[in-house]
Amino acid sequence: MKVAMVFGFGALFASPALFAGQSAQQEGAKPAWNPRPKIEIFGSVAAGHVFRFEDRGFGTQLNAGIGVEAAIWRGLRAGAEINRMFGLEPGPAPCDGVYPAAGQPAFPCVGSARTGVGAATAASFTAAYAFGTERLQPYVLGGMSILRTQEFGATYIVRTDHVEIQENSVTDTGIGLTLGAGLRACVTRRLSIRPEFRLSDGAALSANNLSQYRFSVGIGYGW
């Protein structure tokens, strides 16, 4: 009886220490995700749209990109990304009617040309801030963008009996602000999924005066 009482009291006093040890072990265990990797690289596919603010859009096409982010302090991260548009196709230039005199038929057009954007590549250098340390982390970003584009246009030359159409193109690089927001969803300690919206302005110092926005889904790998 006395032996049983001794073992009972021993178990009673030992149980808090045992539970405390288990609790400390659980607290020291790493979560199944890494909320703030030191370095994370990512690739993305997107629906991208190139446009001119005061003019028009040039279609929504496939966009693909690759980037990297590095931790700075808590949720603050520095990043760089480059992406390219695919499938941009300039359309045929219209043959605008030029009439030699009232009541007479329009001059025919000779030659052909294309108008529109044929290529667009954007680079962004950003600072991003992620909120929280859970599996789902919304974030915002901002920084500078560099947008290189090629735009085709048409020149109309009126001759004595016809209109000659000539094609021209301008390849130019502009800079501007980039702004965006997204969600970093941790899948494992290494992998994450990142849906994001990003607007990149490239109008400054550019003859083409174009900008781009994209809705992307990226996959990140961090450590």
C-alpha atoms as a PDB file:
ATOM      1  CA  MET A   1       0.000   0.000   0.000  1.00  0.00           C
ATOM      2  CA  LYS A   2       2.750   2.419   0.940  1.00  0.00           C
ATOM      3  CA  VAL A   3       4.689   1.456  -2.194  1.00  0.00           C
ATOM      4  CA  ALA A   4       1.616   2.179  -4.342  1.00  0.00           C
ATOM      5  CA  MET A   5       1.123   5.556  -2.652  1.00  0.00           C
ATOM      6  CA  VAL A   6       4.775   6.457  -3.268  1.00  0.00           C
ATOM      7  CA  PHE A   7       4.467   5.572  -6.967  1.00  0.00           C
ATOM      8  CA  GLY A   8       1.214   7.487  -7.165  1.00  0.00           C
ATOM      9  CA  PHE A   9       2.646  10.649  -5.661  1.00  0.00           C
ATOM     10  CA  GLY A  10       5.729  10.256  -7.838  1.00  0.00           C
ATOM     11  CA  ALA A  11       3.617  10.045 -10.969  1.00  0.00           C
ATOM     12  CA  LEU A  12       1.567  13.033  -9.836  1.00  0.00           C
ATOM     13  CA  PHE A  13       4.632  15.214  -9.368  1.00  0.00           C
ATOM     14  CA  ALA A  14       6.384  13.917 -12.492  1.00  0.00           C
ATOM     15  CA  SER A  15       3.429  14.469 -14.827  1.00  0.00           C
ATOM     16  CA  PRO A  16       3.719  18.295 -14.976  1.00  0.00           C
ATOM     17  CA  ALA A  17       7.387  18.026 -15.910  1.00  0.00           C
ATOM     18  CA  LEU A  18       6.546  15.400 -18.519  1.00  0.00           C
ATOM     19  CA  PHE A  19       3.776  17.537 -20.019  1.00  0.00           C
ATOM     20  CA  ALA A  20       6.035  20.588 -19.938  1.00  0.00           C
ATOM     21  CA  GLY A  21       8.726  18.659 -21.799  1.00  0.00           C
ATOM     22  CA  GLN A  22       6.235  17.529 -24.427  1.00  0.00           C
ATOM     23  CA  SER A  23       4.916  21.084 -24.789  1.00  0.00           C
ATOM     24  CA  ALA A  24       8.431  22.480 -25.197  1.00  0.00           C
ATOM     25  CA  GLN A  25       9.172  19.806 -27.781  1.00  0.00           C
ATOM     26  CA  GLN A  26       6.007  20.720 -29.702  1.00  0.00           C
ATOM     27  CA  GLU A  27       6.784  24.418 -29.517  1.00  0.00           C
ATOM     28  CA  GLY A  28      10.317  23.796 -30.760  1.00  0.00           C
ATOM     29  CA  ALA A  29       9.072  21.758 -33.736  1.00  0.00           C
ATOM     30  CA  LYS A  30       9.267  23.548 -37.069  1.00  0.00           C
ATOM     31  CA  PRO A  31       5.982  24.287 -38.844  1.00  0.00           C
ATOM     32  CA  ALA A  32       5.176  22.563 -42.097  1.00  0.00           C
ATOM     33  CA  TRP A  33       5.798  25.815 -43.980  1.00  0.00           C
ATOM     34  CA  ASN A  34       8.485  28.506 -44.083  1.00  0.00           C
ATOM     35  CA  PRO A  35       6.797  31.902 -43.753  1.00  0.00           C
ATOM     36  CA  ARG A  36       9.935  33.937 -44.458  1.00  0.00           C
ATOM     37  CA  PRO A  37      12.540  32.176 -46.602  1.00  0.00           C
ATOM     38  CA  LYS A  38      15.858  33.971 -46.942  1.00  0.00           C
ATOM     39  CA  ILE A  39      15.859  33.553 -50.731  1.00  0.00           C
ATOM     40  CA  GLU A  40      12.966  32.567 -52.975  1.00  0.00           C
ATOM     41  CA  ILE A  41      12.993  32.141 -56.732  1.00  0.00           C
ATOM     42  CA  PHE A  42       9.774  31.864 -58.712  1.00  0.00           C
ATOM     43  CA  GLY A  43       8.409  31.425 -62.187  1.00  0.00           C
ATOM     44  CA  SER A  44       5.010  32.624 -63.359  1.00  0.00           C
ATOM     45  CA  VAL A  45       2.513  32.442 -66.189  1.00  0.00           C
ATOM     46  CA  ALA A  46       0.072  35.271 -66.704  1.00  0.00           C
ATOM     47  CA  ALA A  47      -2.512  36.988 -68.822  1.00  0.00           C
ATOM     48  CA  GLY A  48      -0.781  40.233 -69.807  1.00  0.00           C
ATOM     49  CA  HIS A  49      -2.167  43.359 -71.446  1.00  0.00           C
ATOM     50  CA  VAL A  50      -0.133  46.106 -73.138  1.00  0.00           C
ATOM     51  CA  PHE A  51      -1.829  49.488 -73.441  1.00  0.00           C
ATOM     52  CA  ARG A  52      -1.389  53.234 -73.831  1.00  0.00           C
ATOM     53  CA  PHE A  53      -3.206  55.257 -71.186  1.00  0.00           C
ATOM     54  CA  GLU A  54      -4.459  57.995 -73.505  1.00  0.00           C
ATOM     55  CA  ASP A  55      -4.960  55.759 -76.524  1.00  0.00           C
ATOM     56  CA  ARG A  56      -5.966  52.095 -76.537  1.00  0.00           C
ATOM     57  CA  GLY A  57      -5.077  48.522 -75.637  1.00  0.00           C
ATOM     58  CA  PHE A  58      -3.206  46.066 -77.819  1.00  0.00           C
ATOM     59  CA  GLY A  59      -4.722  42.775 -76.746  1.00  0.00           C
ATOM     60  CA  THR A  60      -4.432  40.343 -73.847  1.00  0.00           C
ATOM     61  CA  GLN A  61      -1.898  37.592 -74.450  1.00  0.00           C
ATOM     62  CA  LEU A  62       0.169  34.949 -72.696  1.00  0.00           C
ATOM     63  CA  ASN A  63       2.919  36.287 -70.447  1.00  0.00           C
ATOM     64  CA  ALA A  64       5.698  34.364 -68.707  1.00  0.00           C
ATOM     65  CA  GLY A  65       8.230  35.562 -66.133  1.00  0.00           C
ATOM     66  CA  ILE A  66      10.927  34.619 -63.646  1.00  0.00           C
ATOM     67  CA  GLY A  67      12.047  36.428 -60.503  1.00  0.00           C
ATOM     68  CA  VAL A  68      13.812  36.304 -57.161  1.00  0.00           C
ATOM     69  CA  GLU A  69      13.140  37.721 -53.690  1.00  0.00           C
ATOM     70  CA  ALA A  70      15.392  38.146 -50.659  1.00  0.00           C
ATOM     71  CA  ALA A  71      14.401  38.767 -47.046  1.00  0.00           C
ATOM     72  CA  ILE A  72      15.397  42.138 -45.571  1.00  0.00           C
ATOM     73  CA  TRP A  73      13.582  42.574 -42.247  1.00  0.00           C
ATOM     74  CA  ARG A  74      10.520  40.755 -40.929  1.00  0.00           C
ATOM     75  CA  GLY A  75       7.953  40.803 -43.744  1.00  0.00           C
ATOM     76  CA  LEU A  76       9.943  43.228 -45.926  1.00  0.00           C
ATOM     77  CA  ARG A  77      11.546  41.707 -49.028  1.00  0.00           C
ATOM     78  CA  ALA A  78      13.499  42.992 -52.040  1.00  0.00           C
ATOM     79  CA  GLY A  79      12.764  41.473 -55.429  1.00  0.00           C
ATOM     80  CA  ALA A  80      13.504  41.572 -59.145  1.00  0.00           C
ATOM     81  CA  GLU A  81      11.484  40.074 -61.981  1.00  0.00           C
ATOM     82  CA  ILE A  82      11.550  39.938 -65.767  1.00  0.00           C
ATOM     83  CA  ASN A  83       8.620  38.881 -67.938  1.00  0.00           C
ATOM     84  CA  ARG A  84       7.830  38.746 -71.632  1.00  0.00           C
ATOM     85  CA  MET A  85       4.653  38.875 -73.681  1.00  0.00           C
ATOM     86  CA  PHE A  86       3.909  36.193 -76.283  1.00  0.00           C
ATOM     87  CA  GLY A  87       1.448  36.217 -79.159  1.00  0.00           C
ATOM     88  CA  LEU A  88       1.376  39.948 -79.862  1.00  0.00           C
ATOM     89  CA  GLU A  89       0.386  40.414 -83.509  1.00  0.00           C
ATOM     90  CA  PRO A  90       0.139  43.854 -85.164  1.00  0.00           C
ATOM     91  CA  GLY A  91      -2.884  44.221 -87.436  1.00  0.00           C
ATOM     92  CA  PRO A  92      -3.005  45.446 -91.032  1.00  0.00           C
ATOM     93  CA  ALA A  93      -2.991  49.181 -91.576  1.00  0.00           C
ATOM     94  CA  PRO A  94      -6.289  50.490 -92.985  1.00  0.00           C
ATOM     95  CA  CYS A  95      -6.425  52.079 -96.414  1.00  0.00           C
ATOM     96  CA  ASP A  96      -7.961  55.458 -95.584  1.00  0.00           C
ATOM     97  CA  GLY A  97      -9.856  57.043 -98.432  1.00  0.00           C
ATOM     98  CA  VAL A  98      -8.042  59.880-100.217  1.00  0.00           C
ATOM     99  CA  TYR A  99     -10.211  61.560-102.846  1.00  0.00           C
ATOM    100  CA  PRO A 100      -8.710  63.608-105.713  1.00  0.00           C
ATOM    101  CA  ALA A 101     -11.856  65.728-105.942  1.00  0.00           C
ATOM    102  CA  ALA A 102     -15.433  65.779-104.775  1.00  0.00           C
ATOM    103  CA  GLY A 103     -17.537  63.113-106.422  1.00  0.00           C
ATOM    104  CA  GLN A 104     -14.538  61.135-107.672  1.00  0.00           C
ATOM    105  CA  PRO A 105     -13.511  57.671-106.431  1.00  0.00           C
ATOM    106  CA  ALA A 106     -10.850  57.336-103.786  1.00  0.00           C
ATOM    107  CA  PHE A 107      -7.270  56.675-104.740  1.00  0.00           C
ATOM    108  CA  PRO A 108      -6.276  53.037-104.516  1.00  0.00           C
ATOM    109  CA  CYS A 109      -3.685  52.022-101.948  1.00  0.00           C
ATOM    110  CA  VAL A 110      -0.387  50.460-102.939  1.00  0.00           C
ATOM    111  CA  GLY A 111       1.774  48.575-100.445  1.00  0.00           C
ATOM    112  CA  SER A 112       0.964  47.317 -96.973  1.00  0.00           C
ATOM    113  CA  ALA A 113       1.916  47.904 -93.376  1.00  0.00           C
ATOM    114  CA  ARG A 114       1.124  46.686 -89.890  1.00  0.00           C
ATOM    115  CA  THR A 115       0.091  48.708 -86.857  1.00  0.00           C
ATOM    116  CA  GLY A 116       0.246  47.720 -83.207  1.00  0.00           C
ATOM    117  CA  VAL A 117       2.668  46.291 -80.680  1.00  0.00           C
ATOM    118  CA  GLY A 118       4.838  43.380 -81.776  1.00  0.00           C
ATOM    119  CA  ALA A 119       6.951  42.733 -78.666  1.00  0.00           C
ATOM    120  CA  ALA A 120       7.049  43.722 -74.992  1.00  0.00           C
ATOM    121  CA  THR A 121       9.474  42.781 -72.216  1.00  0.00           C
ATOM    122  CA  ALA A 122       9.239  44.206 -68.693  1.00  0.00           C
ATOM    123  CA  ALA A 123      11.661  44.192 -65.773  1.00  0.00           C
ATOM    124  CA  SER A 124      10.717  45.243 -62.238  1.00  0.00           C
ATOM    125  CA  PHE A 125      12.766  46.050 -59.154  1.00  0.00           C
ATOM    126  CA  THR A 126      10.522  46.078 -56.101  1.00  0.00           C
ATOM    127  CA  ALA A 127      10.131  46.110 -52.357  1.00  0.00           C
ATOM    128  CA  ALA A 128       7.349  43.859 -51.051  1.00  0.00           C
ATOM    129  CA  TYR A 129       5.798  43.490 -47.610  1.00  0.00           C
ATOM    130  CA  ALA A 130       4.087  40.245 -46.574  1.00  0.00           C
ATOM    131  CA  PHE A 131       1.543  40.339 -43.738  1.00  0.00           C
ATOM    132  CA  GLY A 132       1.632  37.613 -41.101  1.00  0.00           C
ATOM    133  CA  THR A 133       3.475  34.320 -40.773  1.00  0.00           C
ATOM    134  CA  GLU A 134       0.654  31.907 -41.547  1.00  0.00           C
ATOM    135  CA  ARG A 135       0.318  29.670 -44.575  1.00  0.00           C
ATOM    136  CA  LEU A 136      -1.598  32.405 -46.426  1.00  0.00           C
ATOM    137  CA  GLN A 137       0.247  35.726 -46.553  1.00  0.00           C
ATOM    138  CA  PRO A 138      -1.180  38.662 -48.480  1.00  0.00           C
ATOM    139  CA  TYR A 139       1.426  41.135 -49.695  1.00  0.00           C
ATOM    140  CA  VAL A 140       1.795  44.450 -51.478  1.00  0.00           C
ATOM    141  CA  LEU A 141       4.701  45.636 -53.608  1.00  0.00           C
ATOM    142  CA  GLY A 142       6.000  48.743 -55.314  1.00  0.00           C
ATOM    143  CA  GLY A 143       9.091  49.897 -57.137  1.00  0.00           C
ATOM    144  CA  MET A 144      10.460  50.757 -60.574  1.00  0.00           C
ATOM    145  CA  SER A 145       9.710  49.111 -63.898  1.00  0.00           C
ATOM    146  CA  ILE A 146      11.557  49.105 -67.214  1.00  0.00           C
ATOM    147  CA  LEU A 147       9.467  48.294 -70.290  1.00  0.00           C
ATOM    148  CA  ARG A 148      11.001  47.611 -73.699  1.00  0.00           C
ATOM    149  CA  THR A 149       8.545  47.495 -76.612  1.00  0.00           C
ATOM    150  CA  GLN A 150       8.386  47.395 -80.370  1.00  0.00           C
ATOM    151  CA  GLU A 151       5.505  49.194 -82.053  1.00  0.00           C
ATOM    152  CA  PHE A 152       4.636  49.166 -85.757  1.00  0.00           C
ATOM    153  CA  GLY A 153       2.982  52.018 -87.623  1.00  0.00           C
ATOM    154  CA  ALA A 154       2.081  53.127 -91.153  1.00  0.00           C
ATOM    155  CA  THR A 155       3.063  56.127 -93.259  1.00  0.00           C
ATOM    156  CA  TYR A 156       0.699  57.210 -96.045  1.00  0.00           C
ATOM    157  CA  ILE A 157       2.237  58.972 -99.064  1.00  0.00           C
ATOM    158  CA  VAL A 158      -0.201  60.504-101.546  1.00  0.00           C
ATOM    159  CA  ARG A 159       0.948  60.162-105.168  1.00  0.00           C
ATOM    160  CA  THR A 160      -0.714  61.536-108.293  1.00  0.00           C
ATOM    161  CA  ASP A 161      -3.008  58.543-108.770  1.00  0.00           C
ATOM    162  CA  HIS A 162      -2.617  56.347-105.660  1.00  0.00           C
ATOM    163  CA  VAL A 163      -1.710  56.266-101.981  1.00  0.00           C
ATOM    164  CA  GLU A 164       1.503  54.474-101.050  1.00  0.00           C
ATOM    165  CA  ILE A 165       1.601  52.754 -97.639  1.00  0.00           C
ATOM    166  CA  GLN A 166       4.948  52.207 -95.951  1.00  0.00           C
ATOM    167  CA  GLU A 167       5.588  50.344 -92.695  1.00  0.00           C
ATOM    168  CA  ASN A 168       7.754  51.720 -89.920  1.00  0.00           C
ATOM    169  CA  SER A 169       8.599  50.482 -86.442  1.00  0.00           C
ATOM    170  CA  VAL A 170      10.036  51.940 -83.245  1.00  0.00           C
ATOM    171  CA  THR A 171      11.796  49.875 -80.583  1.00  0.00           C
ATOM    172  CA  ASP A 172      12.137  51.862 -77.377  1.00  0.00           C
ATOM    173  CA  THR A 173      12.653  51.503 -73.632  1.00  0.00           C
ATOM    174  CA  GLY A 174      10.699  53.430 -71.000  1.00  0.00           C
ATOM    175  CA  ILE A 175      10.650  53.517 -67.224  1.00  0.00           C
ATOM    176  CA  GLY A 176       7.995  54.138 -64.589  1.00  0.00           C
ATOM    177  CA  LEU A 177       6.437  52.916 -61.387  1.00  0.00           C
ATOM    178  CA  THR A 178       5.274  49.374 -60.736  1.00  0.00           C
ATOM    179  CA  LEU A 179       2.577  48.531 -58.183  1.00  0.00           C
ATOM    180  CA  GLY A 180       0.976  45.247 -57.245  1.00  0.00           C
ATOM    181  CA  ALA A 181      -0.620  42.955 -54.705  1.00  0.00           C
ATOM    182  CA  GLY A 182      -0.823  39.219 -54.269  1.00  0.00           C
ATOM    183  CA  LEU A 183      -1.098  36.230 -51.989  1.00  0.00           C
ATOM    184  CA  ARG A 184       1.726  33.871 -51.029  1.00  0.00           C
ATOM    185  CA  ALA A 185       0.258  30.453 -50.197  1.00  0.00           C
ATOM    186  CA  CYS A 186       2.765  28.072 -48.571  1.00  0.00           C
ATOM    187  CA  VAL A 187       2.438  24.475 -49.784  1.00  0.00           C
ATOM    188  CA  THR A 188       5.522  23.000 -48.095  1.00  0.00           C
ATOM    189  CA  ARG A 189       8.605  24.464 -46.424  1.00  0.00           C
ATOM    190  CA  ARG A 190      10.100  24.936 -49.890  1.00  0.00           C
ATOM    191  CA  LEU A 191       7.189  25.498 -52.271  1.00  0.00           C
ATOM    192  CA  SER A 192       4.631  28.301 -52.486  1.00  0.00           C
ATOM    193  CA  ILE A 193       1.939  29.429 -54.915  1.00  0.00           C
ATOM    194  CA  ARG A 194       1.660  33.159 -55.674  1.00  0.00           C
ATOM    195  CA  PRO A 195      -1.361  34.635 -57.480  1.00  0.00           C
ATOM    196  CA  GLU A 196      -0.622  38.302 -58.181  1.00  0.00           C
ATOM    197  CA  PHE A 197      -1.738  41.453 -60.006  1.00  0.00           C
ATOM    198  CA  ARG A 198       0.980  43.861 -61.148  1.00  0.00           C
ATOM    199  CA  LEU A 199       0.844  47.157 -63.077  1.00  0.00           C
ATOM    200  CA  SER A 200       4.064  48.298 -64.753  1.00  0.00           C
ATOM    201  CA  ASP A 201       4.290  51.752 -66.302  1.00  0.00           C
ATOM    202  CA  GLY A 202       6.861  52.346 -69.038  1.00  0.00           C
ATOM    203  CA  ALA A 203       5.733  55.691 -70.416  1.00  0.00           C
ATOM    204  CA  ALA A 204       8.547  57.940 -69.172  1.00  0.00           C
ATOM    205  CA  LEU A 205      11.437  58.565 -71.587  1.00  0.00           C
ATOM    206  CA  SER A 206       9.775  56.418 -74.247  1.00  0.00           C
ATOM    207  CA  ALA A 207       8.515  57.331 -77.690  1.00  0.00           C
ATOM    208  CA  ASN A 208       6.086  54.394 -77.599  1.00  0.00           C
ATOM    209  CA  ASN A 209       4.584  55.564 -74.280  1.00  0.00           C
ATOM    210  CA  LEU A 210       3.271  52.110 -73.329  1.00  0.00           C
ATOM    211  CA  SER A 211       2.409  50.328 -70.069  1.00  0.00           C
ATOM    212  CA  GLN A 212       1.480  46.800 -69.031  1.00  0.00           C
ATOM    213  CA  TYR A 213      -0.614  44.987 -66.460  1.00  0.00           C
ATOM    214  CA  ARG A 214      -0.715  41.255 -65.755  1.00  0.00           C
ATOM    215  CA  PHE A 215      -2.642  38.708 -63.692  1.00  0.00           C
ATOM    216  CA  SER A 216      -0.181  35.933 -62.881  1.00  0.00           C
ATOM    217  CA  VAL A 217       0.110  32.664 -60.980  1.00  0.00           C
ATOM    218  CA  GLY A 218       3.617  31.807 -59.847  1.00  0.00           C
ATOM    219  CA  ILE A 219       5.338  28.887 -58.154  1.00  0.00           C
ATOM    220  CA  GLY A 220       8.118  29.769 -55.728  1.00  0.00           C
ATOM    221  CA  TYR A 221      10.992  27.727 -54.276  1.00  0.00           C
ATOM    222  CA  GLY A 222      12.623  29.103 -51.134  1.00  0.00           C
ATOM    223  CA  TRP A 223      15.197  28.192 -48.561  1.00  0.00           C
END
